[in-house]
Amino acid sequence: MKKTNEDLKEFLVPDNGKLIISEDGTMTSIIFDAELDHIHCTFNYDGCIQIDTENLTYVCLTIDNLQQMIKLIREAEKIYESAENK
């Protein structure tokens, strides 16, 4: 059976591309760039994404990566807004 990049991503980081909410309410995600480097992202309820590049020399993003980031920002904003309205 031939392994794909998606299989490899799922093997390396099972929750890649998913929004993770920590006990303190911080929302994060790990995504893979075009070169399969994993990128740690944080969402701070400001309509932005904070990308941790500390361990990277550069980041190579595809259109799919950018669309995934937009989707995650929107998802995080909805969760923050619903928590604020409770």
C-alpha atoms as a PDB file:
ATOM      1  CA  MET A   1       0.000   0.000   0.000  1.00  0.00           C
ATOM      2  CA  LYS A   2       1.448   3.345  -1.076  1.00  0.00           C
ATOM      3  CA  LYS A   3       1.784   5.968   1.670  1.00  0.00           C
ATOM      4  CA  THR A   4       0.840   9.549   0.886  1.00  0.00           C
ATOM      5  CA  ASN A   5       1.975  12.821   2.432  1.00  0.00           C
ATOM      6  CA  GLU A   6      -1.349  12.907   4.292  1.00  0.00           C
ATOM      7  CA  ASP A   7      -0.620   9.480   5.796  1.00  0.00           C
ATOM      8  CA  LEU A   8       2.824  10.674   6.854  1.00  0.00           C
ATOM      9  CA  LYS A   9       1.412  13.859   8.402  1.00  0.00           C
ATOM     10  CA  GLU A  10      -1.190  11.855  10.329  1.00  0.00           C
ATOM     11  CA  PHE A  11       1.494   9.438  11.534  1.00  0.00           C
ATOM     12  CA  LEU A  12       3.850  12.216  12.682  1.00  0.00           C
ATOM     13  CA  VAL A  13       1.216  14.459  14.314  1.00  0.00           C
ATOM     14  CA  PRO A  14      -2.196  12.769  14.627  1.00  0.00           C
ATOM     15  CA  ASP A  15      -4.019  16.041  15.400  1.00  0.00           C
ATOM     16  CA  ASN A  16      -2.352  18.048  12.635  1.00  0.00           C
ATOM     17  CA  GLY A  17      -4.577  20.717  11.170  1.00  0.00           C
ATOM     18  CA  LYS A  18      -7.043  20.468  14.054  1.00  0.00           C
ATOM     19  CA  LEU A  19      -7.752  23.148  16.611  1.00  0.00           C
ATOM     20  CA  ILE A  20      -6.584  22.080  20.073  1.00  0.00           C
ATOM     21  CA  ILE A  21      -7.866  23.844  23.183  1.00  0.00           C
ATOM     22  CA  SER A  22      -5.635  23.561  26.242  1.00  0.00           C
ATOM     23  CA  GLU A  23      -6.897  23.567  29.831  1.00  0.00           C
ATOM     24  CA  ASP A  24      -6.137  27.292  30.140  1.00  0.00           C
ATOM     25  CA  GLY A  25      -8.217  28.017  27.017  1.00  0.00           C
ATOM     26  CA  THR A  26      -5.312  28.640  24.648  1.00  0.00           C
ATOM     27  CA  MET A  27      -6.075  27.479  21.117  1.00  0.00           C
ATOM     28  CA  THR A  28      -3.302  26.003  19.021  1.00  0.00           C
ATOM     29  CA  SER A  29      -2.762  23.845  15.983  1.00  0.00           C
ATOM     30  CA  ILE A  30       0.106  22.176  14.183  1.00  0.00           C
ATOM     31  CA  ILE A  31       0.142  22.278  10.415  1.00  0.00           C
ATOM     32  CA  PHE A  32       2.694  21.085   7.882  1.00  0.00           C
ATOM     33  CA  ASP A  33       4.164  23.416   5.279  1.00  0.00           C
ATOM     34  CA  ALA A  34       4.924  22.416   1.679  1.00  0.00           C
ATOM     35  CA  GLU A  35       8.185  20.794   2.782  1.00  0.00           C
ATOM     36  CA  LEU A  36       6.516  18.820   5.587  1.00  0.00           C
ATOM     37  CA  ASP A  37       8.011  20.948   8.350  1.00  0.00           C
ATOM     38  CA  HIS A  38       5.522  21.198  11.180  1.00  0.00           C
ATOM     39  CA  ILE A  39       4.491  24.692  12.183  1.00  0.00           C
ATOM     40  CA  HIS A  40       3.083  25.514  15.617  1.00  0.00           C
ATOM     41  CA  CYS A  41       0.249  28.050  15.430  1.00  0.00           C
ATOM     42  CA  THR A  42      -1.547  29.933  18.204  1.00  0.00           C
ATOM     43  CA  PHE A  43      -4.880  31.770  18.022  1.00  0.00           C
ATOM     44  CA  ASN A  44      -5.381  34.684  20.410  1.00  0.00           C
ATOM     45  CA  TYR A  45      -8.906  35.999  19.634  1.00  0.00           C
ATOM     46  CA  ASP A  46      -7.614  38.844  17.517  1.00  0.00           C
ATOM     47  CA  GLY A  47      -8.508  37.475  14.087  1.00  0.00           C
ATOM     48  CA  CYS A  48      -4.871  36.514  13.517  1.00  0.00           C
ATOM     49  CA  ILE A  49      -2.634  33.493  13.671  1.00  0.00           C
ATOM     50  CA  GLN A  50       0.662  33.523  15.530  1.00  0.00           C
ATOM     51  CA  ILE A  51       3.180  31.271  13.787  1.00  0.00           C
ATOM     52  CA  ASP A  52       6.110  30.005  15.841  1.00  0.00           C
ATOM     53  CA  THR A  53       9.144  30.074  13.542  1.00  0.00           C
ATOM     54  CA  GLU A  54      11.764  29.813  16.266  1.00  0.00           C
ATOM     55  CA  ASN A  55      13.064  26.429  15.095  1.00  0.00           C
ATOM     56  CA  LEU A  56      12.671  27.139  11.379  1.00  0.00           C
ATOM     57  CA  THR A  57      14.914  28.975   8.954  1.00  0.00           C
ATOM     58  CA  TYR A  58      12.006  29.677   6.609  1.00  0.00           C
ATOM     59  CA  VAL A  59       8.423  28.579   5.966  1.00  0.00           C
ATOM     60  CA  CYS A  60       7.129  27.467   2.569  1.00  0.00           C
ATOM     61  CA  LEU A  61       3.330  27.768   2.407  1.00  0.00           C
ATOM     62  CA  THR A  62       0.978  26.568  -0.310  1.00  0.00           C
ATOM     63  CA  ILE A  63      -2.446  27.929  -1.145  1.00  0.00           C
ATOM     64  CA  ASP A  64      -3.887  24.945   0.747  1.00  0.00           C
ATOM     65  CA  ASN A  65      -1.799  25.886   3.816  1.00  0.00           C
ATOM     66  CA  LEU A  66      -3.098  29.442   3.705  1.00  0.00           C
ATOM     67  CA  GLN A  67      -6.700  28.283   3.291  1.00  0.00           C
ATOM     68  CA  GLN A  68      -6.234  25.885   6.202  1.00  0.00           C
ATOM     69  CA  MET A  69      -4.941  28.751   8.355  1.00  0.00           C
ATOM     70  CA  ILE A  70      -7.924  30.923   7.437  1.00  0.00           C
ATOM     71  CA  LYS A  71     -10.285  28.066   8.326  1.00  0.00           C
ATOM     72  CA  LEU A  72      -8.560  27.595  11.699  1.00  0.00           C
ATOM     73  CA  ILE A  73      -8.682  31.338  12.457  1.00  0.00           C
ATOM     74  CA  ARG A  74     -12.423  31.402  11.728  1.00  0.00           C
ATOM     75  CA  GLU A  75     -13.014  28.291  13.835  1.00  0.00           C
ATOM     76  CA  ALA A  76     -11.052  29.737  16.770  1.00  0.00           C
ATOM     77  CA  GLU A  77     -12.881  33.072  16.523  1.00  0.00           C
ATOM     78  CA  LYS A  78     -16.272  31.310  16.651  1.00  0.00           C
ATOM     79  CA  ILE A  79     -15.244  29.375  19.750  1.00  0.00           C
ATOM     80  CA  TYR A  80     -13.908  32.509  21.459  1.00  0.00           C
ATOM     81  CA  GLU A  81     -17.070  34.440  20.579  1.00  0.00           C
ATOM     82  CA  SER A  82     -19.396  31.713  21.841  1.00  0.00           C
ATOM     83  CA  ALA A  83     -17.434  31.458  25.111  1.00  0.00           C
ATOM     84  CA  GLU A  84     -17.586  35.233  25.520  1.00  0.00           C
ATOM     85  CA  ASN A  85     -21.366  35.259  25.006  1.00  0.00           C
ATOM     86  CA  LYS A  86     -22.033  32.687  27.751  1.00  0.00           C
END
